[in-house]
Amino acid sequence: MMNSPVSGGKDAIYKKKTVLFVCPSLEAGGAERICINIMNHIDRSRFSPLLVLFAYKGRFVDQVPADVPVIDMKKKKGTDFLKLVFSLAFRILPRIRPDVVVSFLWYTNIVCIISRMLSPRKPFLIASEHNNTSQSRSHRGLFRKWMFCMLYRRVDRIIAVSKGIGRELESVFRVPAAKIAVIYNCIDHAMIAELSSEKIQAGDVFKNPGALKVISCGRLTKQKNYPLLLRAFARLVSARAETTIEGKDIELVIIGEGEERQRLRMLSRDLGIETRVGFPGFRANPWKYMAASDVFVLSSLYEGFGNVIIEAMACGVPVISVDCRYGPAEIITSGKNGILAPVDDAEALAQEMLRLLADADRRKRIAVEARKRAMFFDVKNMVKQYEEIL
């Protein structure tokens, strides 16, 4: 049952520690899924979770636990920044009186930091960084860099979702090392195991039942560098006749929505592979398609961690990921539980796909090790680490 948003409610006194989670919305992103996972699994005997959304929208709103109150700040436009700051500082924090505030994503971090500076209520503040801080456009420019340096020093703790992000927070944004905690993102193994076993209807996403299936999943944005995957796949299609996969068809599916959709469709047409490439859009259950695939590929220019890698591993599909900063090299031991390829090198990526698709035994060996590695990132392990900080 979907939670109903509330305006903030009356003052409440909690015997347990009150934790206020803050997200821009609950769109289908990695940080939003992590927030949902924490709220679902946090120890209710010790913590009382509440959720603040700048805008009550997104595909994950129906996944908020039924016992978690939701406060909708009704953000309408980009110029609502000051409205969010003052509402959080002078209405929500004094009324809710949380012991801890946990914010997700850079924009939310900035709102929460400034709000606490202004508010008469000063809860313990934990910010979190989920993306590559030096390559993300949100952090570029001297003024923005200075702003992040000044503000991020004012948090009590900041969670980095990879060691690479932790190093950059310290070296680039001058966050004291003592304030940084590296907590890897997680997956809910039980949920993925259940959903990945769901039956796929004929013609849904995959169009050729007998083809070898290459899959990728994520927002259709420049960061994900899907043009690289399309160029590599085009080379793979051309080269397959010279290998042991001669005679087998090959299919590529890229699950997700985003502003690059039309550009990617045009590129697949220009490369002559449009009949072999599918863009089915967002799927609430991408794991059943991962589990039915032969290879998963991540082609990003940069990442913060790469949740989708461990999701694919948990589904038992071997992963080829470019060795971008940050995350993949902290997850994958190349050649053992996955494969790392050079960043933005279509020929190298095509060759790695070709070798893996041509060797079914190798795919099975890597998939077995990948499942073992994915267990390290179980949601229960991650939530325990959050609870220690809270």
Protein backbone atom coordinates (compact mmCIF):
# COMPACT_ATOMS: atom_id res chain seq x y z
CA MET A 1 0.00 0.00 0.00
CA MET A 2 1.35 3.43 -0.96
CA ASN A 3 2.24 5.82 1.85
CA SER A 4 0.31 9.07 1.99
CA PRO A 5 2.39 12.24 2.33
CA VAL A 6 1.89 14.38 5.41
CA SER A 7 2.61 18.03 6.01
CA GLY A 8 4.90 17.50 8.96
CA GLY A 9 2.47 16.61 11.71
CA LYS A 10 2.55 17.55 15.36
CA ASP A 11 5.53 17.36 17.64
CA ALA A 12 6.30 13.83 18.65
CA ILE A 13 8.50 12.35 21.34
CA TYR A 14 10.27 9.14 20.40
CA LYS A 15 11.89 6.73 22.84
CA LYS A 16 13.99 5.44 19.96
CA LYS A 17 16.42 7.52 17.93
CA THR A 18 14.51 9.43 15.25
CA VAL A 19 16.21 9.32 11.85
CA LEU A 20 15.06 11.66 9.09
CA PHE A 21 16.00 10.48 5.61
CA VAL A 22 15.96 13.19 2.92
CA CYS A 23 15.77 12.55 -0.85
CA PRO A 24 14.88 14.80 -3.80
CA SER A 25 12.26 12.26 -4.95
CA LEU A 26 12.03 8.52 -5.45
CA GLU A 27 12.88 8.27 -9.11
CA ALA A 28 14.53 5.06 -10.29
CA GLY A 29 18.13 5.70 -9.29
CA GLY A 30 20.77 3.91 -7.26
CA ALA A 31 20.75 6.36 -4.33
CA GLU A 32 16.97 6.25 -4.10
CA ARG A 33 17.00 2.45 -4.05
CA ILE A 34 19.61 2.51 -1.26
CA CYS A 35 17.39 4.83 0.79
CA ILE A 36 14.47 2.41 0.36
CA ASN A 37 16.64 -0.55 1.33
CA ILE A 38 17.84 1.15 4.52
CA MET A 39 14.32 2.11 5.57
CA ASN A 40 13.10 -1.43 4.94
CA HIS A 41 15.83 -3.09 7.00
CA ILE A 42 16.83 -0.64 9.73
CA ASP A 43 16.34 -1.99 13.28
CA ARG A 44 12.93 -0.72 14.44
CA SER A 45 13.78 -1.47 18.06
CA ARG A 46 16.49 1.19 17.96
CA PHE A 47 15.44 3.64 15.23
CA SER A 48 12.27 5.39 14.07
CA PRO A 49 12.68 6.28 10.39
CA LEU A 50 10.89 9.15 8.65
CA LEU A 51 11.25 10.30 5.06
CA VAL A 52 11.33 13.80 3.57
CA LEU A 53 10.92 14.13 -0.21
CA PHE A 54 11.42 17.43 -2.00
CA ALA A 55 8.80 16.15 -4.44
CA TYR A 56 6.49 13.21 -3.78
CA LYS A 57 7.02 11.38 -7.05
CA GLY A 58 8.98 8.56 -8.61
CA ARG A 59 8.71 4.89 -9.41
CA PHE A 60 9.83 3.86 -5.92
CA VAL A 61 7.15 5.71 -3.91
CA ASP A 62 5.10 2.54 -3.53
CA GLN A 63 8.13 0.78 -2.00
CA VAL A 64 8.36 3.03 1.07
CA PRO A 65 7.66 0.88 4.16
CA ALA A 66 4.11 1.31 5.43
CA ASP A 67 5.28 2.40 8.89
CA VAL A 68 7.46 5.26 7.60
CA PRO A 69 5.77 8.70 7.59
CA VAL A 70 6.46 10.69 4.41
CA ILE A 71 6.75 14.49 4.35
CA ASP A 72 6.18 16.04 0.94
CA MET A 73 7.89 19.44 0.48
CA LYS A 74 6.04 19.97 -2.83
CA LYS A 75 8.99 21.21 -4.87
CA LYS A 76 7.68 22.53 -8.19
CA LYS A 77 10.67 24.09 -9.95
CA GLY A 78 14.42 24.54 -9.84
CA THR A 79 14.14 27.96 -8.21
CA ASP A 80 12.56 26.41 -5.09
CA PHE A 81 15.97 26.06 -3.44
CA LEU A 82 15.41 28.75 -0.81
CA LYS A 83 11.88 27.50 -0.17
CA LEU A 84 13.29 24.05 0.59
CA VAL A 85 16.02 25.43 2.83
CA PHE A 86 13.72 27.60 4.95
CA SER A 87 10.94 25.01 5.15
CA LEU A 88 13.36 22.35 6.35
CA ALA A 89 15.15 24.73 8.74
CA PHE A 90 12.19 26.42 10.40
CA ARG A 91 9.24 24.06 9.95
CA ILE A 92 10.26 20.43 9.59
CA LEU A 93 13.35 20.17 11.81
CA PRO A 94 11.78 22.04 14.78
CA ARG A 95 8.53 20.02 14.52
CA ILE A 96 9.97 16.56 13.93
CA ARG A 97 13.01 17.10 16.17
CA PRO A 98 15.07 14.30 14.60
CA ASP A 99 18.18 13.01 16.30
CA VAL A 100 19.84 12.32 12.95
CA VAL A 101 19.35 13.56 9.38
CA VAL A 102 20.65 11.43 6.49
CA SER A 103 20.67 13.10 3.06
CA PHE A 104 21.11 11.49 -0.35
CA LEU A 105 22.66 13.12 -3.45
CA TRP A 106 24.58 16.37 -3.73
CA TYR A 107 21.66 18.81 -4.11
CA THR A 108 19.93 17.37 -1.07
CA ASN A 109 23.21 17.49 0.86
CA ILE A 110 23.55 21.23 0.20
CA VAL A 111 19.94 21.95 1.22
CA CYS A 112 20.33 19.96 4.44
CA ILE A 113 23.67 21.53 5.38
CA ILE A 114 22.43 25.10 4.93
CA SER A 115 19.14 24.29 6.65
CA ARG A 116 20.91 22.99 9.72
CA MET A 117 23.14 26.06 9.80
CA LEU A 118 20.03 28.27 9.93
CA SER A 119 17.74 26.12 12.05
CA PRO A 120 17.38 26.39 15.83
CA ARG A 121 17.39 22.58 15.76
CA LYS A 122 20.84 21.02 15.18
CA PRO A 123 20.52 17.27 14.54
CA PHE A 124 23.50 15.07 13.75
CA LEU A 125 23.92 15.38 9.97
CA ILE A 126 25.12 12.61 7.66
CA ALA A 127 25.52 13.48 3.98
CA SER A 128 26.20 10.90 1.27
CA GLU A 129 28.01 11.08 -2.07
CA HIS A 130 26.87 8.58 -4.68
CA ASN A 131 28.65 9.80 -7.81
CA ASN A 132 32.14 10.62 -9.04
CA THR A 133 32.74 14.03 -7.50
CA SER A 134 35.38 15.30 -9.92
CA GLN A 135 33.68 14.26 -13.17
CA SER A 136 30.05 15.01 -12.31
CA ARG A 137 28.98 18.39 -13.72
CA SER A 138 27.33 19.30 -10.43
CA HIS A 139 30.76 19.80 -8.86
CA ARG A 140 32.59 21.57 -11.71
CA GLY A 141 33.71 25.18 -11.68
CA LEU A 142 35.80 27.07 -9.13
CA PHE A 143 32.82 28.56 -7.30
CA ARG A 144 31.01 25.24 -6.98
CA LYS A 145 34.20 23.53 -5.86
CA TRP A 146 34.73 26.22 -3.22
CA MET A 147 31.08 25.94 -2.14
CA PHE A 148 31.31 22.17 -1.72
CA CYS A 149 34.62 22.49 0.15
CA MET A 150 33.12 24.97 2.60
CA LEU A 151 29.79 23.20 3.13
CA TYR A 152 30.93 19.59 3.20
CA ARG A 153 33.26 20.39 6.09
CA ARG A 154 30.20 21.28 8.16
CA VAL A 155 28.64 17.81 8.13
CA ASP A 156 29.21 15.46 11.05
CA ARG A 157 29.87 12.49 8.76
CA ILE A 158 29.86 11.96 5.02
CA ILE A 159 29.31 8.55 3.48
CA ALA A 160 31.19 7.68 0.30
CA VAL A 161 29.87 4.69 -1.62
CA SER A 162 33.36 3.71 -2.82
CA LYS A 163 36.94 4.16 -1.68
CA GLY A 164 37.61 6.23 -4.80
CA ILE A 165 34.94 8.76 -3.85
CA GLY A 166 36.27 8.80 -0.30
CA ARG A 167 39.75 9.68 -1.56
CA GLU A 168 38.39 12.49 -3.71
CA LEU A 169 36.30 13.94 -0.90
CA GLU A 170 39.48 14.17 1.11
CA SER A 171 41.91 15.36 -1.59
CA VAL A 172 39.70 17.51 -3.84
CA PHE A 173 37.05 18.82 -1.44
CA ARG A 174 39.25 18.89 1.67
CA VAL A 175 36.85 16.88 3.83
CA PRO A 176 38.71 15.68 6.93
CA ALA A 177 39.43 11.96 6.70
CA ALA A 178 37.91 11.41 10.15
CA LYS A 179 34.53 12.53 8.83
CA ILE A 180 34.50 10.14 5.85
CA ALA A 181 33.01 6.66 6.07
CA VAL A 182 33.11 4.32 3.07
CA ILE A 183 29.98 2.18 2.94
CA TYR A 184 29.46 0.26 -0.26
CA ASN A 185 26.01 0.20 -1.77
CA CYS A 186 23.97 -2.92 -1.35
CA ILE A 187 21.45 -5.25 -2.90
CA ASP A 188 18.57 -7.16 -1.40
CA HIS A 189 19.53 -10.71 -2.35
CA ALA A 190 16.24 -12.24 -1.28
CA MET A 191 14.24 -9.79 -3.40
CA ILE A 192 16.50 -10.19 -6.44
CA ALA A 193 16.42 -13.99 -6.15
CA GLU A 194 12.64 -13.94 -6.17
CA LEU A 195 12.18 -11.38 -8.95
CA SER A 196 14.94 -12.73 -11.20
CA SER A 197 13.11 -16.08 -11.38
CA GLU A 198 9.94 -14.53 -12.83
CA LYS A 199 8.91 -15.82 -16.22
CA ILE A 200 9.56 -13.61 -19.24
CA GLN A 201 6.76 -13.40 -21.77
CA ALA A 202 7.60 -14.23 -25.36
CA GLY A 203 8.59 -11.10 -27.27
CA ASP A 204 9.02 -9.03 -24.11
CA VAL A 205 12.37 -7.21 -24.42
CA PHE A 206 14.14 -10.11 -26.13
CA LYS A 207 12.99 -10.58 -29.71
CA ASN A 208 15.08 -13.58 -30.81
CA PRO A 209 14.78 -16.59 -28.44
CA GLY A 210 17.78 -18.37 -29.98
CA ALA A 211 20.19 -15.45 -29.91
CA LEU A 212 23.07 -14.85 -27.54
CA LYS A 213 21.91 -12.00 -25.30
CA VAL A 214 23.98 -8.99 -24.25
CA ILE A 215 22.29 -6.68 -21.75
CA SER A 216 22.92 -3.35 -20.08
CA CYS A 217 20.78 -1.37 -17.70
CA GLY A 218 20.78 2.23 -16.51
CA ARG A 219 19.70 5.78 -17.25
CA LEU A 220 20.15 6.79 -20.89
CA THR A 221 22.55 9.63 -20.11
CA LYS A 222 25.98 10.70 -21.32
CA GLN A 223 27.58 9.36 -18.14
CA LYS A 224 26.63 5.80 -19.08
CA ASN A 225 28.43 6.12 -22.45
CA TYR A 226 26.08 3.84 -24.37
CA PRO A 227 27.53 5.01 -27.72
CA LEU A 228 30.66 3.06 -26.73
CA LEU A 229 28.56 -0.08 -26.13
CA LEU A 230 26.77 0.34 -29.46
CA ARG A 231 30.05 0.79 -31.36
CA ALA A 232 31.56 -2.23 -29.60
CA PHE A 233 28.46 -4.30 -30.32
CA ALA A 234 28.61 -3.33 -34.01
CA ARG A 235 32.21 -4.60 -34.10
CA LEU A 236 31.11 -7.76 -32.32
CA VAL A 237 28.41 -8.42 -34.92
CA SER A 238 30.96 -7.98 -37.72
CA ALA A 239 33.59 -10.18 -36.07
CA ARG A 240 31.47 -13.07 -34.84
CA ALA A 241 31.71 -15.02 -38.12
CA GLU A 242 35.45 -15.51 -37.45
CA THR A 243 34.86 -17.20 -34.07
CA THR A 244 33.17 -20.23 -32.57
CA ILE A 245 29.92 -18.27 -32.26
CA GLU A 246 29.55 -18.26 -36.04
CA GLY A 247 25.96 -19.06 -36.98
CA LYS A 248 24.48 -17.80 -33.73
CA ASP A 249 22.57 -14.56 -33.73
CA ILE A 250 23.42 -11.84 -31.20
CA GLU A 251 21.04 -9.41 -29.54
CA LEU A 252 21.66 -6.31 -27.38
CA VAL A 253 19.09 -4.88 -24.97
CA ILE A 254 19.59 -1.61 -23.06
CA ILE A 255 17.00 -1.18 -20.30
CA GLY A 256 16.33 2.35 -19.07
CA GLU A 257 14.97 5.79 -19.87
CA GLY A 258 16.72 9.11 -20.41
CA GLU A 259 17.43 12.08 -22.60
CA GLU A 260 19.85 10.15 -24.85
CA ARG A 261 17.22 7.70 -26.13
CA GLN A 262 16.69 9.24 -29.57
CA ARG A 263 20.40 9.82 -30.13
CA LEU A 264 21.16 6.20 -29.28
CA ARG A 265 18.44 4.87 -31.57
CA MET A 266 19.82 6.97 -34.42
CA LEU A 267 23.35 5.74 -33.73
CA SER A 268 22.23 2.10 -33.78
CA ARG A 269 20.61 2.76 -37.14
CA ASP A 270 23.75 4.46 -38.49
CA LEU A 271 25.84 1.49 -37.33
CA GLY A 272 23.51 -0.92 -39.10
CA ILE A 273 22.54 -2.80 -35.94
CA GLU A 274 19.08 -1.37 -35.23
CA THR A 275 17.36 -4.74 -35.83
CA ARG A 276 19.57 -6.36 -33.20
CA VAL A 277 19.29 -3.63 -30.51
CA GLY A 278 16.31 -3.03 -28.23
CA PHE A 279 15.50 0.00 -26.06
CA PRO A 280 12.51 -1.26 -24.05
CA GLY A 281 12.56 1.63 -21.57
CA PHE A 282 12.23 1.34 -17.80
CA ARG A 283 11.35 -2.02 -16.29
CA ALA A 284 10.33 -2.38 -12.66
CA ASN A 285 11.94 -5.80 -12.62
CA PRO A 286 15.14 -5.65 -14.70
CA TRP A 287 16.62 -8.66 -12.88
CA LYS A 288 14.62 -11.30 -14.71
CA TYR A 289 16.08 -10.00 -17.97
CA MET A 290 19.59 -9.95 -16.52
CA ALA A 291 19.21 -13.55 -15.35
CA ALA A 292 18.13 -14.60 -18.86
CA SER A 293 21.15 -12.94 -20.53
CA ASP A 294 24.55 -14.31 -21.48
CA VAL A 295 26.63 -11.20 -20.70
CA PHE A 296 26.04 -7.92 -18.87
CA VAL A 297 28.05 -4.87 -19.95
CA LEU A 298 28.69 -1.57 -18.16
CA SER A 299 30.21 1.07 -20.46
CA SER A 300 30.15 4.21 -18.27
CA LEU A 301 32.58 7.12 -18.47
CA TYR A 302 32.48 7.31 -14.67
CA GLU A 303 30.53 5.94 -11.73
CA GLY A 304 30.23 6.43 -8.02
CA PHE A 305 30.01 2.71 -7.35
CA GLY A 306 28.04 0.80 -9.98
CA ASN A 307 25.08 -0.85 -8.23
CA VAL A 308 24.01 -2.53 -11.43
CA ILE A 309 27.24 -4.56 -11.47
CA ILE A 310 26.45 -6.34 -8.22
CA GLU A 311 22.80 -6.73 -9.26
CA ALA A 312 23.90 -8.52 -12.44
CA MET A 313 26.37 -10.63 -10.45
CA ALA A 314 23.60 -11.68 -8.06
CA CYS A 315 21.50 -12.71 -11.07
CA GLY A 316 24.24 -15.09 -12.21
CA VAL A 317 25.22 -13.27 -15.39
CA PRO A 318 28.94 -12.65 -16.09
CA VAL A 319 29.81 -8.95 -16.13
CA ILE A 320 32.12 -7.00 -18.40
CA SER A 321 32.67 -3.49 -17.06
CA VAL A 322 34.92 -0.71 -18.23
CA ASP A 323 37.44 0.14 -15.52
CA CYS A 324 36.05 3.61 -14.91
CA ARG A 325 36.41 5.66 -11.77
CA TYR A 326 34.99 4.66 -9.35
CA GLY A 327 33.59 1.34 -8.25
CA PRO A 328 34.11 -1.42 -10.83
CA ALA A 329 37.69 -2.22 -9.77
CA GLU A 330 36.56 -2.33 -6.13
CA ILE A 331 33.91 -4.91 -7.04
CA ILE A 332 35.48 -7.04 -9.79
CA THR A 333 38.66 -9.12 -9.75
CA SER A 334 39.20 -9.21 -13.49
CA GLY A 335 39.24 -12.68 -14.98
CA LYS A 336 37.86 -14.27 -11.80
CA ASN A 337 34.40 -12.87 -11.02
CA GLY A 338 34.08 -10.49 -13.96
CA ILE A 339 36.10 -8.69 -16.58
CA LEU A 340 37.47 -5.13 -16.59
CA ALA A 341 38.04 -3.42 -19.94
CA PRO A 342 39.67 -0.06 -20.78
CA VAL A 343 37.50 3.06 -20.61
CA ASP A 344 36.09 4.36 -23.91
CA ASP A 345 37.82 1.73 -26.09
CA ALA A 346 35.28 0.16 -28.43
CA GLU A 347 37.70 -2.36 -29.95
CA ALA A 348 38.86 -3.65 -26.57
CA LEU A 349 35.29 -3.93 -25.30
CA ALA A 350 34.21 -5.77 -28.45
CA GLN A 351 37.06 -8.26 -28.06
CA GLU A 352 36.17 -8.95 -24.43
CA MET A 353 32.53 -9.56 -25.37
CA LEU A 354 33.60 -11.79 -28.26
CA ARG A 355 35.89 -13.94 -26.12
CA LEU A 356 33.29 -14.36 -23.37
CA LEU A 357 30.39 -15.15 -25.69
CA ALA A 358 32.52 -17.72 -27.49
CA ASP A 359 33.34 -19.62 -24.28
CA ALA A 360 30.29 -20.96 -22.43
CA ASP A 361 32.42 -22.73 -19.79
CA ARG A 362 34.23 -19.51 -18.94
CA ARG A 363 30.91 -17.68 -18.62
CA LYS A 364 29.70 -20.31 -16.15
CA ARG A 365 32.90 -20.13 -14.06
CA ILE A 366 32.76 -16.34 -13.85
CA ALA A 367 29.04 -16.40 -13.02
CA VAL A 368 29.62 -18.77 -10.09
CA GLU A 369 32.34 -16.54 -8.64
CA ALA A 370 30.23 -13.45 -9.33
CA ARG A 371 27.38 -14.79 -7.19
CA LYS A 372 29.82 -15.40 -4.34
CA ARG A 373 31.21 -11.87 -4.63
CA ALA A 374 27.73 -10.34 -4.73
CA MET A 375 26.93 -11.81 -1.31
CA PHE A 376 29.43 -9.39 0.26
CA PHE A 377 27.13 -6.53 -0.73
CA ASP A 378 24.00 -7.83 0.95
CA VAL A 379 21.67 -5.19 2.35
CA LYS A 380 21.93 -6.50 5.91
CA ASN A 381 25.70 -5.93 5.97
CA MET A 382 25.31 -2.36 4.69
CA VAL A 383 22.49 -1.44 7.07
CA LYS A 384 24.58 -2.59 10.04
CA GLN A 385 27.30 -0.17 8.98
CA TYR A 386 24.78 2.67 8.73
CA GLU A 387 23.37 1.79 12.15
CA GLU A 388 26.84 2.03 13.67
CA ILE A 389 27.14 5.62 12.43
CA LEU A 390 23.58 6.58 13.39
